[in-house]
Amino acid sequence: MIRKNAPELEWFKSTYSDSSNGNDCVEVATTPTSVRVRDSKNAQGPRLGVSPAAWASFLTYASER
């Protein structure tokens, strides 16, 4: 669903991204009710949206690997 009056998302990359190619990572944008994730190489492509709780769980899981 696209909202006509939705504010533009502010995308950012992790400060831990250490790829030699700055475009070779994911970007994240947060809202009060969701966390959006996209491929930095395809900014207009598909995006994944999850709840803030699901994102926090994912970050905990990923940091333990």
PDB file of N, CA and C in Angstrom:
ATOM      1  N   MET A   1       0.830  -1.170   0.000  1.00  0.00           N
ATOM      2  CA  MET A   1       0.000   0.000   0.000  1.00  0.00           C
ATOM      3  C   MET A   1       0.884   1.245   0.000  1.00  0.00           C
ATOM      4  N   ILE A   2       0.660   2.133  -0.892  1.00  0.00           N
ATOM      5  CA  ILE A   2       1.424   3.384  -0.967  1.00  0.00           C
ATOM      6  C   ILE A   2       0.548   4.518  -0.445  1.00  0.00           C
ATOM      7  N   ARG A   3       1.081   5.253   0.483  1.00  0.00           N
ATOM      8  CA  ARG A   3       0.344   6.390   1.032  1.00  0.00           C
ATOM      9  C   ARG A   3       0.799   7.654   0.333  1.00  0.00           C
ATOM     10  N   LYS A   4      -0.153   8.433  -0.148  1.00  0.00           N
ATOM     11  CA  LYS A   4       0.186   9.643  -0.895  1.00  0.00           C
ATOM     12  C   LYS A   4       0.868  10.689  -0.034  1.00  0.00           C
ATOM     13  N   ASN A   5       0.504  10.782   1.220  1.00  0.00           N
ATOM     14  CA  ASN A   5       1.069  11.815   2.091  1.00  0.00           C
ATOM     15  C   ASN A   5       2.149  11.273   3.027  1.00  0.00           C
ATOM     16  N   ALA A   6       2.660  10.086   2.734  1.00  0.00           N
ATOM     17  CA  ALA A   6       3.686   9.499   3.596  1.00  0.00           C
ATOM     18  C   ALA A   6       4.992  10.284   3.463  1.00  0.00           C
ATOM     19  N   PRO A   7       5.667  10.541   4.579  1.00  0.00           N
ATOM     20  CA  PRO A   7       6.950  11.256   4.510  1.00  0.00           C
ATOM     21  C   PRO A   7       8.015  10.376   3.842  1.00  0.00           C
ATOM     22  N   GLU A   8       8.974  11.021   3.235  1.00  0.00           N
ATOM     23  CA  GLU A   8      10.087  10.301   2.600  1.00  0.00           C
ATOM     24  C   GLU A   8      10.912   9.606   3.674  1.00  0.00           C
ATOM     25  N   LEU A   9      11.289   8.358   3.395  1.00  0.00           N
ATOM     26  CA  LEU A   9      12.109   7.614   4.339  1.00  0.00           C
ATOM     27  C   LEU A   9      13.551   8.102   4.283  1.00  0.00           C
ATOM     28  N   GLU A  10      14.214   8.100   5.421  1.00  0.00           N
ATOM     29  CA  GLU A  10      15.627   8.458   5.493  1.00  0.00           C
ATOM     30  C   GLU A  10      16.429   7.177   5.629  1.00  0.00           C
ATOM     31  N   TRP A  11      17.111   6.806   4.553  1.00  0.00           N
ATOM     32  CA  TRP A  11      17.870   5.559   4.505  1.00  0.00           C
ATOM     33  C   TRP A  11      19.291   5.784   5.009  1.00  0.00           C
ATOM     34  N   PHE A  12      19.835   4.783   5.705  1.00  0.00           N
ATOM     35  CA  PHE A  12      21.220   4.868   6.163  1.00  0.00           C
ATOM     36  C   PHE A  12      21.864   3.488   6.107  1.00  0.00           C
ATOM     37  N   LYS A  13      23.189   3.494   6.073  1.00  0.00           N
ATOM     38  CA  LYS A  13      23.980   2.256   6.085  1.00  0.00           C
ATOM     39  C   LYS A  13      24.641   2.117   7.445  1.00  0.00           C
ATOM     40  N   SER A  14      24.925   0.913   7.816  1.00  0.00           N
ATOM     41  CA  SER A  14      25.574   0.654   9.088  1.00  0.00           C
ATOM     42  C   SER A  14      26.969   1.263   9.128  1.00  0.00           C
ATOM     43  N   THR A  15      27.346   1.772  10.263  1.00  0.00           N
ATOM     44  CA  THR A  15      28.711   2.271  10.430  1.00  0.00           C
ATOM     45  C   THR A  15      29.701   1.116  10.476  1.00  0.00           C
ATOM     46  N   TYR A  16      29.203  -0.104  10.640  1.00  0.00           N
ATOM     47  CA  TYR A  16      30.052  -1.292  10.646  1.00  0.00           C
ATOM     48  C   TYR A  16      30.280  -1.850   9.250  1.00  0.00           C
ATOM     49  N   SER A  17      29.653  -1.270   8.249  1.00  0.00           N
ATOM     50  CA  SER A  17      29.826  -1.747   6.879  1.00  0.00           C
ATOM     51  C   SER A  17      31.266  -1.487   6.453  1.00  0.00           C
ATOM     52  N   ASP A  18      31.998  -2.560   6.163  1.00  0.00           N
ATOM     53  CA  ASP A  18      33.409  -2.401   5.827  1.00  0.00           C
ATOM     54  C   ASP A  18      33.731  -2.897   4.422  1.00  0.00           C
ATOM     55  N   SER A  19      32.738  -2.939   3.568  1.00  0.00           N
ATOM     56  CA  SER A  19      32.952  -3.395   2.200  1.00  0.00           C
ATOM     57  C   SER A  19      33.847  -2.412   1.454  1.00  0.00           C
ATOM     58  N   SER A  20      34.682  -2.937   0.587  1.00  0.00           N
ATOM     59  CA  SER A  20      35.522  -2.065  -0.237  1.00  0.00           C
ATOM     60  C   SER A  20      34.677  -1.291  -1.246  1.00  0.00           C
ATOM     61  N   ASN A  21      33.471  -1.768  -1.496  1.00  0.00           N
ATOM     62  CA  ASN A  21      32.530  -1.081  -2.376  1.00  0.00           C
ATOM     63  C   ASN A  21      31.415  -0.528  -1.498  1.00  0.00           C
ATOM     64  N   GLY A  22      31.354   0.774  -1.355  1.00  0.00           N
ATOM     65  CA  GLY A  22      30.372   1.420  -0.493  1.00  0.00           C
ATOM     66  C   GLY A  22      28.929   1.127  -0.838  1.00  0.00           C
ATOM     67  N   ASN A  23      28.662   0.663  -2.046  1.00  0.00           N
ATOM     68  CA  ASN A  23      27.295   0.337  -2.448  1.00  0.00           C
ATOM     69  C   ASN A  23      26.964  -1.132  -2.236  1.00  0.00           C
ATOM     70  N   ASP A  24      27.839  -1.869  -1.585  1.00  0.00           N
ATOM     71  CA  ASP A  24      27.684  -3.307  -1.447  1.00  0.00           C
ATOM     72  C   ASP A  24      27.166  -3.674  -0.059  1.00  0.00           C
ATOM     73  N   CYS A  25      26.014  -3.145   0.305  1.00  0.00           N
ATOM     74  CA  CYS A  25      25.454  -3.452   1.611  1.00  0.00           C
ATOM     75  C   CYS A  25      23.956  -3.183   1.600  1.00  0.00           C
ATOM     76  N   VAL A  26      23.328  -3.356   2.731  1.00  0.00           N
ATOM     77  CA  VAL A  26      21.910  -3.036   2.849  1.00  0.00           C
ATOM     78  C   VAL A  26      21.769  -1.660   3.490  1.00  0.00           C
ATOM     79  N   GLU A  27      20.632  -1.061   3.249  1.00  0.00           N
ATOM     80  CA  GLU A  27      20.297   0.216   3.870  1.00  0.00           C
ATOM     81  C   GLU A  27      19.030   0.021   4.686  1.00  0.00           C
ATOM     82  N   VAL A  28      18.890   0.804   5.734  1.00  0.00           N
ATOM     83  CA  VAL A  28      17.767   0.685   6.653  1.00  0.00           C
ATOM     84  C   VAL A  28      17.108   2.050   6.817  1.00  0.00           C
ATOM     85  N   ALA A  29      15.790   2.048   6.926  1.00  0.00           N
ATOM     86  CA  ALA A  29      15.032   3.257   7.250  1.00  0.00           C
ATOM     87  C   ALA A  29      14.030   2.878   8.330  1.00  0.00           C
ATOM     88  N   THR A  30      13.887   3.722   9.327  1.00  0.00           N
ATOM     89  CA  THR A  30      12.974   3.407  10.424  1.00  0.00           C
ATOM     90  C   THR A  30      11.815   4.393  10.462  1.00  0.00           C
ATOM     91  N   THR A  31      10.683   3.897  10.915  1.00  0.00           N
ATOM     92  CA  THR A  31       9.517   4.712  11.230  1.00  0.00           C
ATOM     93  C   THR A  31       9.087   4.281  12.627  1.00  0.00           C
ATOM     94  N   PRO A  32       8.143   4.957  13.228  1.00  0.00           N
ATOM     95  CA  PRO A  32       7.715   4.539  14.565  1.00  0.00           C
ATOM     96  C   PRO A  32       7.135   3.118  14.605  1.00  0.00           C
ATOM     97  N   THR A  33       6.617   2.634  13.478  1.00  0.00           N
ATOM     98  CA  THR A  33       5.947   1.330  13.478  1.00  0.00           C
ATOM     99  C   THR A  33       6.620   0.269  12.624  1.00  0.00           C
ATOM    100  N   SER A  34       7.720   0.619  11.922  1.00  0.00           N
ATOM    101  CA  SER A  34       8.356  -0.383  11.061  1.00  0.00           C
ATOM    102  C   SER A  34       9.831  -0.064  10.825  1.00  0.00           C
ATOM    103  N   VAL A  35      10.522  -1.097  10.386  1.00  0.00           N
ATOM    104  CA  VAL A  35      11.905  -0.960   9.939  1.00  0.00           C
ATOM    105  C   VAL A  35      11.927  -1.481   8.516  1.00  0.00           C
ATOM    106  N   ARG A  36      12.424  -0.687   7.590  1.00  0.00           N
ATOM    107  CA  ARG A  36      12.481  -1.065   6.179  1.00  0.00           C
ATOM    108  C   ARG A  36      13.927  -1.361   5.817  1.00  0.00           C
ATOM    109  N   VAL A  37      14.127  -2.359   4.966  1.00  0.00           N
ATOM    110  CA  VAL A  37      15.463  -2.775   4.548  1.00  0.00           C
ATOM    111  C   VAL A  37      15.466  -2.880   3.032  1.00  0.00           C
ATOM    112  N   ARG A  38      16.539  -2.380   2.400  1.00  0.00           N
ATOM    113  CA  ARG A  38      16.673  -2.485   0.948  1.00  0.00           C
ATOM    114  C   ARG A  38      18.124  -2.743   0.573  1.00  0.00           C
ATOM    115  N   ASP A  39      18.329  -3.214  -0.638  1.00  0.00           N
ATOM    116  CA  ASP A  39      19.660  -3.457  -1.196  1.00  0.00           C
ATOM    117  C   ASP A  39      20.194  -2.133  -1.727  1.00  0.00           C
ATOM    118  N   SER A  40      21.356  -1.712  -1.268  1.00  0.00           N
ATOM    119  CA  SER A  40      21.901  -0.419  -1.688  1.00  0.00           C
ATOM    120  C   SER A  40      22.220  -0.377  -3.182  1.00  0.00           C
ATOM    121  N   LYS A  41      22.438  -1.548  -3.797  1.00  0.00           N
ATOM    122  CA  LYS A  41      22.737  -1.587  -5.230  1.00  0.00           C
ATOM    123  C   LYS A  41      21.478  -1.429  -6.071  1.00  0.00           C
ATOM    124  N   ASN A  42      20.296  -1.595  -5.448  1.00  0.00           N
ATOM    125  CA  ASN A  42      19.029  -1.509  -6.159  1.00  0.00           C
ATOM    126  C   ASN A  42      18.037  -0.733  -5.301  1.00  0.00           C
ATOM    127  N   ALA A  43      18.309   0.535  -5.106  1.00  0.00           N
ATOM    128  CA  ALA A  43      17.521   1.360  -4.189  1.00  0.00           C
ATOM    129  C   ALA A  43      16.045   1.452  -4.584  1.00  0.00           C
ATOM    130  N   GLN A  44      15.728   1.294  -5.848  1.00  0.00           N
ATOM    131  CA  GLN A  44      14.333   1.361  -6.293  1.00  0.00           C
ATOM    132  C   GLN A  44      13.664  -0.006  -6.295  1.00  0.00           C
ATOM    133  N   GLY A  45      14.422  -1.042  -5.965  1.00  0.00           N
ATOM    134  CA  GLY A  45      13.908  -2.405  -5.995  1.00  0.00           C
ATOM    135  C   GLY A  45      13.066  -2.744  -4.780  1.00  0.00           C
ATOM    136  N   PRO A  46      12.853  -4.043  -4.572  1.00  0.00           N
ATOM    137  CA  PRO A  46      12.011  -4.487  -3.455  1.00  0.00           C
ATOM    138  C   PRO A  46      12.571  -4.074  -2.105  1.00  0.00           C
ATOM    139  N   ARG A  47      11.666  -3.919  -1.164  1.00  0.00           N
ATOM    140  CA  ARG A  47      12.037  -3.554   0.200  1.00  0.00           C
ATOM    141  C   ARG A  47      11.349  -4.493   1.170  1.00  0.00           C
ATOM    142  N   LEU A  48      12.032  -4.799   2.236  1.00  0.00           N
ATOM    143  CA  LEU A  48      11.486  -5.652   3.277  1.00  0.00           C
ATOM    144  C   LEU A  48      11.063  -4.760   4.431  1.00  0.00           C
ATOM    145  N   GLY A  49       9.893  -4.992   4.972  1.00  0.00           N
ATOM    146  CA  GLY A  49       9.420  -4.247   6.129  1.00  0.00           C
ATOM    147  C   GLY A  49       9.136  -5.189   7.280  1.00  0.00           C
ATOM    148  N   VAL A  50       9.657  -4.874   8.456  1.00  0.00           N
ATOM    149  CA  VAL A  50       9.433  -5.690   9.650  1.00  0.00           C
ATOM    150  C   VAL A  50       9.108  -4.780  10.829  1.00  0.00           C
ATOM    151  N   SER A  51       8.601  -5.373  11.885  1.00  0.00           N
ATOM    152  CA  SER A  51       8.314  -4.597  13.090  1.00  0.00           C
ATOM    153  C   SER A  51       9.625  -4.261  13.802  1.00  0.00           C
ATOM    154  N   PRO A  52       9.624  -3.196  14.594  1.00  0.00           N
ATOM    155  CA  PRO A  52      10.836  -2.882  15.367  1.00  0.00           C
ATOM    156  C   PRO A  52      11.269  -4.044  16.270  1.00  0.00           C
ATOM    157  N   ALA A  53      10.322  -4.790  16.838  1.00  0.00           N
ATOM    158  CA  ALA A  53      10.666  -5.929  17.690  1.00  0.00           C
ATOM    159  C   ALA A  53      11.343  -7.034  16.882  1.00  0.00           C
ATOM    160  N   ALA A  54      10.833  -7.304  15.681  1.00  0.00           N
ATOM    161  CA  ALA A  54      11.455  -8.330  14.831  1.00  0.00           C
ATOM    162  C   ALA A  54      12.859  -7.902  14.417  1.00  0.00           C
ATOM    163  N   TRP A  55      13.046  -6.622  14.117  1.00  0.00           N
ATOM    164  CA  TRP A  55      14.375  -6.117  13.732  1.00  0.00           C
ATOM    165  C   TRP A  55      15.346  -6.249  14.907  1.00  0.00           C
ATOM    166  N   ALA A  56      14.895  -5.898  16.105  1.00  0.00           N
ATOM    167  CA  ALA A  56      15.759  -6.014  17.285  1.00  0.00           C
ATOM    168  C   ALA A  56      16.159  -7.473  17.511  1.00  0.00           C
ATOM    169  N   SER A  57      15.230  -8.384  17.317  1.00  0.00           N
ATOM    170  CA  SER A  57      15.552  -9.811  17.457  1.00  0.00           C
ATOM    171  C   SER A  57      16.567 -10.249  16.415  1.00  0.00           C
ATOM    172  N   PHE A  58      16.389  -9.785  15.181  1.00  0.00           N
ATOM    173  CA  PHE A  58      17.340 -10.122  14.123  1.00  0.00           C
ATOM    174  C   PHE A  58      18.732  -9.593  14.460  1.00  0.00           C
ATOM    175  N   LEU A  59      18.823  -8.354  14.918  1.00  0.00           N
ATOM    176  CA  LEU A  59      20.127  -7.780  15.253  1.00  0.00           C
ATOM    177  C   LEU A  59      20.808  -8.559  16.377  1.00  0.00           C
ATOM    178  N   THR A  60      20.043  -8.969  17.365  1.00  0.00           N
ATOM    179  CA  THR A  60      20.600  -9.784  18.446  1.00  0.00           C
ATOM    180  C   THR A  60      21.130 -11.095  17.884  1.00  0.00           C
ATOM    181  N   TYR A  61      20.335 -11.752  17.068  1.00  0.00           N
ATOM    182  CA  TYR A  61      20.743 -13.014  16.449  1.00  0.00           C
ATOM    183  C   TYR A  61      22.010 -12.827  15.604  1.00  0.00           C
ATOM    184  N   ALA A  62      22.029 -11.806  14.756  1.00  0.00           N
ATOM    185  CA  ALA A  62      23.171 -11.587  13.851  1.00  0.00           C
ATOM    186  C   ALA A  62      24.437 -11.234  14.636  1.00  0.00           C
ATOM    187  N   SER A  63      24.303 -10.492  15.709  1.00  0.00           N
ATOM    188  CA  SER A  63      25.489 -10.089  16.470  1.00  0.00           C
ATOM    189  C   SER A  63      26.137 -11.260  17.213  1.00  0.00           C
ATOM    190  N   GLU A  64      25.378 -12.325  17.392  1.00  0.00           N
ATOM    191  CA  GLU A  64      25.906 -13.501  18.080  1.00  0.00           C
ATOM    192  C   GLU A  64      26.570 -14.477  17.119  1.00  0.00           C
ATOM    193  N   ARG A  65      26.539 -14.200  15.842  1.00  0.00           N
ATOM    194  CA  ARG A  65      27.112 -15.102  14.828  1.00  0.00           C
ATOM    195  C   ARG A  65      28.469 -14.649  14.410  1.00  0.00           C
TER     196      ARG A  65
END
